[in-house]
Amino acid sequence: MPRPYHERLDFTLALPLRVIAHGTCGPKLVLPHWHQAVELAYPYRGHPGTVHIGHSTFEMQERHVYVVNSEVVHSYETFLDEDNQIVTLLLPAAWLRNVVADKQLPIWGPLDLDLSLPAYQELGQYVDTLATNAVTDPDDRADYLASLGAEYQLVGQLLKHLTVNGQVTTDQLPLPEPLRQAVGELQQNYGSAVSIADLAASLNYSSVYFSRYFKDYMGISPKAYLGQIRLERAAELLMTSDESVQNIAMKTGFRTEKNFFVTFKQRFQMTPKTYRERYAAQRAWS
């Protein structure tokens, strides 16, 4: 599982929420990240892949919704084509606090909702409305108003059926501040030689304790985490630039082109060149 980063989101849109239709872009790896928004992942067709929320992993199923509370680390490993589609709904924390008239956002769960269950069928209607309008990109005023109404109804259903009043699980809790700092450093410096021991010392931890703390919370060691961010950045450059494989390897922190080749093939089951040829023209990531 790769490392998280703080995703800063722009909500200067017509609707208070942001709806992202991810298209048919082939393999899509979304690094572990957090943001000040509640995220609902909705596979409306097929089985697009895996979502990691906190410590838990879910194989996404059609007509389910996966709930990510604000500031909780999450990531995706998906393959998107005509038969496997997903829409993401993001409800900004500042707007939600106004809607629920509270300084603190409610915590919602469970995280995996089967929309065929009676308790969630009405919620599913509003998710469907928002997802359909996102996929079809309507420009009619009536469609806009339908989406706006569906958004408020959706929040009402979340408050009614998902508000957690008892014990909160670790998968519903924000990432601790020391780990936020650590992953921020990894995010910024992945292209250089990174010393995990120095990073631990900067946070006043021993190397052994820091590595254990990081793995206990993230499910992966800091070193492996760093390797994942390098692979993700390399894959993105392969699809969005004409740079040589050698330059991409150096730019993303791999010691040698051979090391990059071997590591990349282990992760994606194909060479960097084949990956570029197969997916560069299909890139449609949001």
C-alpha atoms as a PDB file:
ATOM      1  CA  MET A   1       0.000   0.000   0.000  1.00  0.00           C
ATOM      2  CA  PRO A   2       1.544   3.373  -1.042  1.00  0.00           C
ATOM      3  CA  ARG A   3       1.924   6.369   1.261  1.00  0.00           C
ATOM      4  CA  PRO A   4      -0.753   9.012   1.867  1.00  0.00           C
ATOM      5  CA  TYR A   5      -0.570  12.661   0.924  1.00  0.00           C
ATOM      6  CA  HIS A   6      -2.755  15.611   1.822  1.00  0.00           C
ATOM      7  CA  GLU A   7      -4.991  16.239  -1.185  1.00  0.00           C
ATOM      8  CA  ARG A   8      -6.129  19.871  -1.387  1.00  0.00           C
ATOM      9  CA  LEU A   9      -9.482  20.042  -3.126  1.00  0.00           C
ATOM     10  CA  ASP A  10     -11.104  22.859  -5.071  1.00  0.00           C
ATOM     11  CA  PHE A  11     -14.832  23.133  -4.477  1.00  0.00           C
ATOM     12  CA  THR A  12     -15.444  26.349  -6.479  1.00  0.00           C
ATOM     13  CA  LEU A  13     -18.102  24.565  -8.560  1.00  0.00           C
ATOM     14  CA  ALA A  14     -21.823  25.013  -9.196  1.00  0.00           C
ATOM     15  CA  LEU A  15     -22.771  22.247  -6.768  1.00  0.00           C
ATOM     16  CA  PRO A  16     -21.493  22.275  -3.170  1.00  0.00           C
ATOM     17  CA  LEU A  17     -20.099  18.783  -3.679  1.00  0.00           C
ATOM     18  CA  ARG A  18     -17.659  17.559  -6.283  1.00  0.00           C
ATOM     19  CA  VAL A  19     -18.543  14.562  -8.468  1.00  0.00           C
ATOM     20  CA  ILE A  20     -15.780  12.817 -10.418  1.00  0.00           C
ATOM     21  CA  ALA A  21     -16.444  10.334 -13.210  1.00  0.00           C
ATOM     22  CA  HIS A  22     -13.170   8.488 -13.778  1.00  0.00           C
ATOM     23  CA  GLY A  23     -13.691   7.239 -17.322  1.00  0.00           C
ATOM     24  CA  THR A  24     -12.132   4.143 -18.900  1.00  0.00           C
ATOM     25  CA  CYS A  25      -8.447   4.820 -18.348  1.00  0.00           C
ATOM     26  CA  GLY A  26      -7.194   1.292 -17.696  1.00  0.00           C
ATOM     27  CA  PRO A  27      -5.105   0.850 -14.537  1.00  0.00           C
ATOM     28  CA  LYS A  28      -5.552   3.629 -12.017  1.00  0.00           C
ATOM     29  CA  LEU A  29      -3.580   3.721  -8.783  1.00  0.00           C
ATOM     30  CA  VAL A  30      -4.635   6.473  -6.384  1.00  0.00           C
ATOM     31  CA  LEU A  31      -2.029   6.927  -3.673  1.00  0.00           C
ATOM     32  CA  PRO A  32      -3.031   6.934  -0.008  1.00  0.00           C
ATOM     33  CA  HIS A  33      -4.172  10.440   0.820  1.00  0.00           C
ATOM     34  CA  TRP A  34      -6.564  12.395   3.009  1.00  0.00           C
ATOM     35  CA  HIS A  35      -8.577  15.554   2.590  1.00  0.00           C
ATOM     36  CA  GLN A  36     -11.098  17.666   4.463  1.00  0.00           C
ATOM     37  CA  ALA A  37     -14.108  16.107   2.800  1.00  0.00           C
ATOM     38  CA  VAL A  38     -16.283  13.050   3.152  1.00  0.00           C
ATOM     39  CA  GLU A  39     -15.761  10.787   0.140  1.00  0.00           C
ATOM     40  CA  LEU A  40     -18.254   8.296  -1.271  1.00  0.00           C
ATOM     41  CA  ALA A  41     -16.910   5.843  -3.844  1.00  0.00           C
ATOM     42  CA  TYR A  42     -19.677   4.384  -6.016  1.00  0.00           C
ATOM     43  CA  PRO A  43     -18.937   1.515  -8.435  1.00  0.00           C
ATOM     44  CA  TYR A  44     -21.963   1.813 -10.694  1.00  0.00           C
ATOM     45  CA  ARG A  45     -20.798  -0.867 -13.091  1.00  0.00           C
ATOM     46  CA  GLY A  46     -18.787  -4.044 -12.598  1.00  0.00           C
ATOM     47  CA  HIS A  47     -16.010  -4.650 -10.066  1.00  0.00           C
ATOM     48  CA  PRO A  48     -13.427  -1.899 -10.660  1.00  0.00           C
ATOM     49  CA  GLY A  49     -10.883  -2.972  -8.029  1.00  0.00           C
ATOM     50  CA  THR A  50      -9.826  -2.375  -4.441  1.00  0.00           C
ATOM     51  CA  VAL A  51     -10.297   0.477  -1.991  1.00  0.00           C
ATOM     52  CA  HIS A  52      -8.234   0.770   1.209  1.00  0.00           C
ATOM     53  CA  ILE A  53      -9.866   2.782   4.016  1.00  0.00           C
ATOM     54  CA  GLY A  54      -7.732   3.073   7.115  1.00  0.00           C
ATOM     55  CA  HIS A  55      -6.687  -0.500   7.945  1.00  0.00           C
ATOM     56  CA  SER A  56      -9.498  -2.127   5.979  1.00  0.00           C
ATOM     57  CA  THR A  57      -9.536  -3.320   2.384  1.00  0.00           C
ATOM     58  CA  PHE A  58     -12.670  -3.783   0.280  1.00  0.00           C
ATOM     59  CA  GLU A  59     -13.063  -5.412  -3.117  1.00  0.00           C
ATOM     60  CA  MET A  60     -15.489  -2.988  -4.683  1.00  0.00           C
ATOM     61  CA  GLN A  61     -18.813  -4.370  -5.844  1.00  0.00           C
ATOM     62  CA  GLU A  62     -21.412  -2.904  -8.169  1.00  0.00           C
ATOM     63  CA  ARG A  63     -24.212  -0.967  -6.434  1.00  0.00           C
ATOM     64  CA  HIS A  64     -22.241  -0.559  -3.220  1.00  0.00           C
ATOM     65  CA  VAL A  65     -21.043   2.726  -1.726  1.00  0.00           C
ATOM     66  CA  TYR A  66     -17.754   2.985   0.188  1.00  0.00           C
ATOM     67  CA  VAL A  67     -17.677   5.726   2.821  1.00  0.00           C
ATOM     68  CA  VAL A  68     -14.467   7.591   3.689  1.00  0.00           C
ATOM     69  CA  ASN A  69     -14.800   9.982   6.610  1.00  0.00           C
ATOM     70  CA  SER A  70     -13.052  13.348   6.480  1.00  0.00           C
ATOM     71  CA  GLU A  71      -9.237  13.228   6.982  1.00  0.00           C
ATOM     72  CA  VAL A  72      -9.123   9.417   6.913  1.00  0.00           C
ATOM     73  CA  VAL A  73      -6.344   7.870   4.804  1.00  0.00           C
ATOM     74  CA  HIS A  74      -7.588   5.968   1.771  1.00  0.00           C
ATOM     75  CA  SER A  75      -6.310   4.726  -1.578  1.00  0.00           C
ATOM     76  CA  TYR A  76      -7.445   2.820  -4.658  1.00  0.00           C
ATOM     77  CA  GLU A  77      -6.082   0.134  -6.952  1.00  0.00           C
ATOM     78  CA  THR A  78      -8.429  -0.104  -9.917  1.00  0.00           C
ATOM     79  CA  PHE A  79      -8.729  -1.065 -13.551  1.00  0.00           C
ATOM     80  CA  LEU A  80     -11.342   0.992 -15.366  1.00  0.00           C
ATOM     81  CA  ASP A  81     -12.886   0.029 -18.698  1.00  0.00           C
ATOM     82  CA  GLU A  82     -16.360  -0.115 -20.250  1.00  0.00           C
ATOM     83  CA  ASP A  83     -17.384  -2.922 -17.890  1.00  0.00           C
ATOM     84  CA  ASN A  84     -15.862  -1.479 -14.701  1.00  0.00           C
ATOM     85  CA  GLN A  85     -16.821   2.083 -13.816  1.00  0.00           C
ATOM     86  CA  ILE A  86     -16.692   4.225 -10.703  1.00  0.00           C
ATOM     87  CA  VAL A  87     -17.884   7.676  -9.638  1.00  0.00           C
ATOM     88  CA  THR A  88     -16.501   9.530  -6.612  1.00  0.00           C
ATOM     89  CA  LEU A  89     -18.568  12.022  -4.618  1.00  0.00           C
ATOM     90  CA  LEU A  90     -16.767  14.497  -2.361  1.00  0.00           C
ATOM     91  CA  LEU A  91     -18.669  16.488   0.258  1.00  0.00           C
ATOM     92  CA  PRO A  92     -16.461  19.327   1.598  1.00  0.00           C
ATOM     93  CA  ALA A  93     -16.118  19.521   5.370  1.00  0.00           C
ATOM     94  CA  ALA A  94     -16.789  23.276   5.573  1.00  0.00           C
ATOM     95  CA  TRP A  95     -20.093  22.934   3.706  1.00  0.00           C
ATOM     96  CA  LEU A  96     -21.110  19.850   5.696  1.00  0.00           C
ATOM     97  CA  ARG A  97     -20.528  21.621   9.005  1.00  0.00           C
ATOM     98  CA  ASN A  98     -22.948  24.338   7.915  1.00  0.00           C
ATOM     99  CA  VAL A  99     -25.529  21.763   6.806  1.00  0.00           C
ATOM    100  CA  VAL A 100     -25.406  19.790  10.055  1.00  0.00           C
ATOM    101  CA  ALA A 101     -25.050  22.975  12.179  1.00  0.00           C
ATOM    102  CA  ASP A 102     -22.135  21.638  14.182  1.00  0.00           C
ATOM    103  CA  LYS A 103     -18.478  22.561  14.595  1.00  0.00           C
ATOM    104  CA  GLN A 104     -17.463  18.909  14.470  1.00  0.00           C
ATOM    105  CA  LEU A 105     -18.392  16.663  11.582  1.00  0.00           C
ATOM    106  CA  PRO A 106     -20.335  13.530  12.484  1.00  0.00           C
ATOM    107  CA  ILE A 107     -18.541  10.222  12.002  1.00  0.00           C
ATOM    108  CA  TRP A 108     -20.270   7.856   9.609  1.00  0.00           C
ATOM    109  CA  GLY A 109     -20.259   4.102   9.229  1.00  0.00           C
ATOM    110  CA  PRO A 110     -20.377   1.296   8.225  1.00  0.00           C
ATOM    111  CA  LEU A 111     -17.880   1.869   5.442  1.00  0.00           C
ATOM    112  CA  ASP A 112     -19.274  -0.625   2.917  1.00  0.00           C
ATOM    113  CA  LEU A 113     -22.951  -0.011   2.092  1.00  0.00           C
ATOM    114  CA  ASP A 114     -24.981  -2.453   0.009  1.00  0.00           C
ATOM    115  CA  LEU A 115     -27.544  -0.226  -1.696  1.00  0.00           C
ATOM    116  CA  SER A 116     -29.876  -3.184  -2.250  1.00  0.00           C
ATOM    117  CA  LEU A 117     -30.563  -3.323   1.492  1.00  0.00           C
ATOM    118  CA  PRO A 118     -33.836  -1.642   2.529  1.00  0.00           C
ATOM    119  CA  ALA A 119     -32.106   0.849   4.847  1.00  0.00           C
ATOM    120  CA  TYR A 120     -29.934   2.227   2.021  1.00  0.00           C
ATOM    121  CA  GLN A 121     -32.257   2.081  -0.990  1.00  0.00           C
ATOM    122  CA  GLU A 122     -33.333   5.710  -0.684  1.00  0.00           C
ATOM    123  CA  LEU A 123     -29.723   6.794  -0.256  1.00  0.00           C
ATOM    124  CA  GLY A 124     -28.966   4.788  -3.389  1.00  0.00           C
ATOM    125  CA  GLN A 125     -31.547   6.772  -5.389  1.00  0.00           C
ATOM    126  CA  TYR A 126     -29.761  10.035  -4.608  1.00  0.00           C
ATOM    127  CA  VAL A 127     -26.333   8.559  -5.344  1.00  0.00           C
ATOM    128  CA  ASP A 128     -27.695   7.295  -8.670  1.00  0.00           C
ATOM    129  CA  THR A 129     -29.003  10.748  -9.576  1.00  0.00           C
ATOM    130  CA  LEU A 130     -25.664  12.404  -8.845  1.00  0.00           C
ATOM    131  CA  ALA A 131     -23.641   9.691 -10.592  1.00  0.00           C
ATOM    132  CA  THR A 132     -25.877   9.657 -13.695  1.00  0.00           C
ATOM    133  CA  ASN A 133     -25.665  13.427 -14.107  1.00  0.00           C
ATOM    134  CA  ALA A 134     -21.890  13.265 -13.683  1.00  0.00           C
ATOM    135  CA  VAL A 135     -21.484  10.563 -16.325  1.00  0.00           C
ATOM    136  CA  THR A 136     -23.855  12.138 -18.851  1.00  0.00           C
ATOM    137  CA  ASP A 137     -22.664  15.716 -18.167  1.00  0.00           C
ATOM    138  CA  PRO A 138     -26.104  17.333 -18.406  1.00  0.00           C
ATOM    139  CA  ASP A 139     -26.471  21.043 -19.079  1.00  0.00           C
ATOM    140  CA  ASP A 140     -30.195  21.348 -18.457  1.00  0.00           C
ATOM    141  CA  ARG A 141     -31.248  23.525 -15.510  1.00  0.00           C
ATOM    142  CA  ALA A 142     -33.638  20.829 -14.323  1.00  0.00           C
ATOM    143  CA  ASP A 143     -30.788  18.315 -14.125  1.00  0.00           C
ATOM    144  CA  TYR A 144     -28.744  20.784 -12.087  1.00  0.00           C
ATOM    145  CA  LEU A 145     -31.609  21.319  -9.644  1.00  0.00           C
ATOM    146  CA  ALA A 146     -32.191  17.564  -9.427  1.00  0.00           C
ATOM    147  CA  SER A 147     -28.530  17.092  -8.514  1.00  0.00           C
ATOM    148  CA  LEU A 148     -28.663  19.896  -5.961  1.00  0.00           C
ATOM    149  CA  GLY A 149     -31.732  18.368  -4.335  1.00  0.00           C
ATOM    150  CA  ALA A 150     -30.178  14.898  -4.407  1.00  0.00           C
ATOM    151  CA  GLU A 151     -27.115  16.215  -2.621  1.00  0.00           C
ATOM    152  CA  TYR A 152     -29.081  17.573   0.345  1.00  0.00           C
ATOM    153  CA  GLN A 153     -31.202  14.423   0.449  1.00  0.00           C
ATOM    154  CA  LEU A 154     -28.024  12.360   0.410  1.00  0.00           C
ATOM    155  CA  VAL A 155     -26.648  14.183   3.451  1.00  0.00           C
ATOM    156  CA  GLY A 156     -29.972  13.656   5.198  1.00  0.00           C
ATOM    157  CA  GLN A 157     -29.750   9.922   4.575  1.00  0.00           C
ATOM    158  CA  LEU A 158     -26.173   9.837   5.859  1.00  0.00           C
ATOM    159  CA  LEU A 159     -27.229  11.595   9.057  1.00  0.00           C
ATOM    160  CA  LYS A 160     -30.244   9.350   9.463  1.00  0.00           C
ATOM    161  CA  HIS A 161     -28.685   5.958   8.814  1.00  0.00           C
ATOM    162  CA  LEU A 162     -24.888   6.262   9.191  1.00  0.00           C
ATOM    163  CA  THR A 163     -24.155   8.574  12.127  1.00  0.00           C
ATOM    164  CA  VAL A 164     -22.010   6.697  14.653  1.00  0.00           C
ATOM    165  CA  ASN A 165     -22.928   7.539  18.245  1.00  0.00           C
ATOM    166  CA  GLY A 166     -21.022   4.772  20.001  1.00  0.00           C
ATOM    167  CA  GLN A 167     -17.501   3.452  19.703  1.00  0.00           C
ATOM    168  CA  VAL A 168     -15.507   4.668  16.703  1.00  0.00           C
ATOM    169  CA  THR A 169     -13.229   2.276  14.842  1.00  0.00           C
ATOM    170  CA  THR A 170      -9.683   3.178  13.815  1.00  0.00           C
ATOM    171  CA  ASP A 171     -10.809   3.128  10.170  1.00  0.00           C
ATOM    172  CA  GLN A 172     -12.961   6.175  10.930  1.00  0.00           C
ATOM    173  CA  LEU A 173     -10.218   8.225  12.612  1.00  0.00           C
ATOM    174  CA  PRO A 174      -7.976  10.893  11.011  1.00  0.00           C
ATOM    175  CA  LEU A 175      -4.298  10.209  10.343  1.00  0.00           C
ATOM    176  CA  PRO A 176      -2.126  11.174  13.388  1.00  0.00           C
ATOM    177  CA  GLU A 177      -0.130  14.373  12.956  1.00  0.00           C
ATOM    178  CA  PRO A 178       3.383  12.790  13.154  1.00  0.00           C
ATOM    179  CA  LEU A 179       2.497  10.488  10.272  1.00  0.00           C
ATOM    180  CA  ARG A 180       1.087  13.406   8.315  1.00  0.00           C
ATOM    181  CA  GLN A 181       4.444  15.116   8.636  1.00  0.00           C
ATOM    182  CA  ALA A 182       6.313  11.959   7.665  1.00  0.00           C
ATOM    183  CA  VAL A 183       4.303  11.255   4.549  1.00  0.00           C
ATOM    184  CA  GLY A 184       4.510  14.922   3.603  1.00  0.00           C
ATOM    185  CA  GLU A 185       8.294  14.628   3.629  1.00  0.00           C
ATOM    186  CA  LEU A 186       8.174  11.479   1.521  1.00  0.00           C
ATOM    187  CA  GLN A 187       5.779  13.166  -0.889  1.00  0.00           C
ATOM    188  CA  GLN A 188       8.117  16.080  -1.433  1.00  0.00           C
ATOM    189  CA  ASN A 189      11.430  14.218  -1.552  1.00  0.00           C
ATOM    190  CA  TYR A 190      10.702  10.927  -3.341  1.00  0.00           C
ATOM    191  CA  GLY A 191      12.978  11.885  -6.242  1.00  0.00           C
ATOM    192  CA  SER A 192      16.030  12.104  -3.966  1.00  0.00           C
ATOM    193  CA  ALA A 193      17.856   9.679  -1.706  1.00  0.00           C
ATOM    194  CA  VAL A 194      15.671   9.468   1.422  1.00  0.00           C
ATOM    195  CA  SER A 195      16.953   8.330   4.812  1.00  0.00           C
ATOM    196  CA  ILE A 196      14.205   6.762   6.920  1.00  0.00           C
ATOM    197  CA  ALA A 197      16.470   7.052   9.971  1.00  0.00           C
ATOM    198  CA  ASP A 198      16.860  10.806   9.434  1.00  0.00           C
ATOM    199  CA  LEU A 199      13.129  11.179   8.928  1.00  0.00           C
ATOM    200  CA  ALA A 200      12.464   9.311  12.186  1.00  0.00           C
ATOM    201  CA  ALA A 201      14.987  11.478  14.036  1.00  0.00           C
ATOM    202  CA  SER A 202      13.346  14.665  12.763  1.00  0.00           C
ATOM    203  CA  LEU A 203      10.150  13.495  14.469  1.00  0.00           C
ATOM    204  CA  ASN A 204      12.014  12.524  17.670  1.00  0.00           C
ATOM    205  CA  TYR A 205      11.530   8.787  17.131  1.00  0.00           C
ATOM    206  CA  SER A 206      14.052   6.007  16.959  1.00  0.00           C
ATOM    207  CA  SER A 207      14.263   4.379  13.534  1.00  0.00           C
ATOM    208  CA  VAL A 208      12.921   1.071  14.858  1.00  0.00           C
ATOM    209  CA  TYR A 209       9.966   2.633  16.688  1.00  0.00           C
ATOM    210  CA  PHE A 210       9.084   4.904  13.786  1.00  0.00           C
ATOM    211  CA  SER A 211       9.080   2.054  11.276  1.00  0.00           C
ATOM    212  CA  ARG A 212       6.887  -0.049  13.558  1.00  0.00           C
ATOM    213  CA  TYR A 213       4.521   2.870  14.249  1.00  0.00           C
ATOM    214  CA  PHE A 214       4.274   3.671  10.553  1.00  0.00           C
ATOM    215  CA  LYS A 215       3.595   0.055   9.575  1.00  0.00           C
ATOM    216  CA  ASP A 216       1.111  -0.519  12.391  1.00  0.00           C
ATOM    217  CA  TYR A 217      -0.964   2.396  11.193  1.00  0.00           C
ATOM    218  CA  MET A 218      -0.416   2.239   7.438  1.00  0.00           C
ATOM    219  CA  GLY A 219       0.030  -1.502   6.932  1.00  0.00           C
ATOM    220  CA  ILE A 220       3.311  -0.991   5.070  1.00  0.00           C
ATOM    221  CA  SER A 221       6.839   0.046   6.024  1.00  0.00           C
ATOM    222  CA  PRO A 222       8.110   3.578   5.264  1.00  0.00           C
ATOM    223  CA  LYS A 223      10.615   2.131   2.784  1.00  0.00           C
ATOM    224  CA  ALA A 224       7.954   0.193   0.884  1.00  0.00           C
ATOM    225  CA  TYR A 225       5.721   3.219   0.995  1.00  0.00           C
ATOM    226  CA  LEU A 226       8.411   5.333  -0.613  1.00  0.00           C
ATOM    227  CA  GLY A 227       8.795   2.729  -3.337  1.00  0.00           C
ATOM    228  CA  GLN A 228       5.077   2.951  -4.097  1.00  0.00           C
ATOM    229  CA  ILE A 229       5.098   6.714  -4.557  1.00  0.00           C
ATOM    230  CA  ARG A 230       8.041   6.403  -6.927  1.00  0.00           C
ATOM    231  CA  LEU A 231       6.214   3.793  -8.998  1.00  0.00           C
ATOM    232  CA  GLU A 232       3.037   5.869  -9.132  1.00  0.00           C
ATOM    233  CA  ARG A 233       4.908   8.970 -10.255  1.00  0.00           C
ATOM    234  CA  ALA A 234       6.822   6.965 -12.837  1.00  0.00           C
ATOM    235  CA  ALA A 235       3.623   5.445 -14.232  1.00  0.00           C
ATOM    236  CA  GLU A 236       2.082   8.895 -14.506  1.00  0.00           C
ATOM    237  CA  LEU A 237       5.113  10.251 -16.376  1.00  0.00           C
ATOM    238  CA  LEU A 238       5.056   7.308 -18.762  1.00  0.00           C
ATOM    239  CA  MET A 239       1.493   8.208 -19.716  1.00  0.00           C
ATOM    240  CA  THR A 240       1.803  11.987 -19.791  1.00  0.00           C
ATOM    241  CA  SER A 241       5.288  12.725 -21.149  1.00  0.00           C
ATOM    242  CA  ASP A 242       7.694  11.723 -23.905  1.00  0.00           C
ATOM    243  CA  GLU A 243      10.661  11.480 -21.559  1.00  0.00           C
ATOM    244  CA  SER A 244      12.898   8.449 -21.905  1.00  0.00           C
ATOM    245  CA  VAL A 245      12.499   5.552 -19.507  1.00  0.00           C
ATOM    246  CA  GLN A 246      15.989   6.266 -18.187  1.00  0.00           C
ATOM    247  CA  ASN A 247      15.155   9.906 -17.380  1.00  0.00           C
ATOM    248  CA  ILE A 248      11.902   8.895 -15.689  1.00  0.00           C
ATOM    249  CA  ALA A 249      13.750   6.334 -13.574  1.00  0.00           C
ATOM    250  CA  MET A 250      16.269   8.945 -12.402  1.00  0.00           C
ATOM    251  CA  LYS A 251      13.630  11.617 -11.830  1.00  0.00           C
ATOM    252  CA  THR A 252      11.506   9.364  -9.622  1.00  0.00           C
ATOM    253  CA  GLY A 253      14.328   8.258  -7.320  1.00  0.00           C
ATOM    254  CA  PHE A 254      15.349   4.848  -8.704  1.00  0.00           C
ATOM    255  CA  ARG A 255      19.054   4.112  -8.421  1.00  0.00           C
ATOM    256  CA  THR A 256      19.412   2.605 -11.894  1.00  0.00           C
ATOM    257  CA  GLU A 257      17.285   2.015 -14.972  1.00  0.00           C
ATOM    258  CA  LYS A 258      17.590  -1.728 -14.370  1.00  0.00           C
ATOM    259  CA  ASN A 259      16.261  -1.387 -10.834  1.00  0.00           C
ATOM    260  CA  PHE A 260      13.341   0.626 -12.174  1.00  0.00           C
ATOM    261  CA  PHE A 261      12.635  -1.932 -14.903  1.00  0.00           C
ATOM    262  CA  VAL A 262      12.563  -4.867 -12.483  1.00  0.00           C
ATOM    263  CA  THR A 263      10.482  -3.054  -9.832  1.00  0.00           C
ATOM    264  CA  PHE A 264       8.011  -1.708 -12.380  1.00  0.00           C
ATOM    265  CA  LYS A 265       7.487  -5.093 -14.007  1.00  0.00           C
ATOM    266  CA  GLN A 266       6.891  -6.743 -10.631  1.00  0.00           C
ATOM    267  CA  ARG A 267       4.178  -4.192  -9.827  1.00  0.00           C
ATOM    268  CA  PHE A 268       2.414  -3.871 -13.193  1.00  0.00           C
ATOM    269  CA  GLN A 269       3.250  -7.238 -14.812  1.00  0.00           C
ATOM    270  CA  MET A 270       4.622  -5.457 -17.885  1.00  0.00           C
ATOM    271  CA  THR A 271       7.626  -3.369 -18.866  1.00  0.00           C
ATOM    272  CA  PRO A 272       7.551   0.462 -18.693  1.00  0.00           C
ATOM    273  CA  LYS A 273       7.624   0.594 -22.514  1.00  0.00           C
ATOM    274  CA  THR A 274       4.633  -1.745 -22.854  1.00  0.00           C
ATOM    275  CA  TYR A 275       2.742   0.184 -20.173  1.00  0.00           C
ATOM    276  CA  ARG A 276       3.280   3.442 -22.062  1.00  0.00           C
ATOM    277  CA  GLU A 277       2.235   1.965 -25.400  1.00  0.00           C
ATOM    278  CA  ARG A 278      -0.883   0.371 -23.957  1.00  0.00           C
ATOM    279  CA  TYR A 279      -2.265   3.136 -21.766  1.00  0.00           C
ATOM    280  CA  ALA A 280      -0.869   6.539 -22.743  1.00  0.00           C
ATOM    281  CA  ALA A 281      -3.581   7.157 -25.355  1.00  0.00           C
ATOM    282  CA  GLN A 282      -6.325   6.124 -22.907  1.00  0.00           C
ATOM    283  CA  ARG A 283      -5.417   8.489 -20.125  1.00  0.00           C
ATOM    284  CA  ALA A 284      -8.574  10.154 -18.813  1.00  0.00           C
ATOM    285  CA  TRP A 285      -7.827  10.495 -15.090  1.00  0.00           C
ATOM    286  CA  SER A 286      -9.663  13.115 -13.138  1.00  0.00           C
END
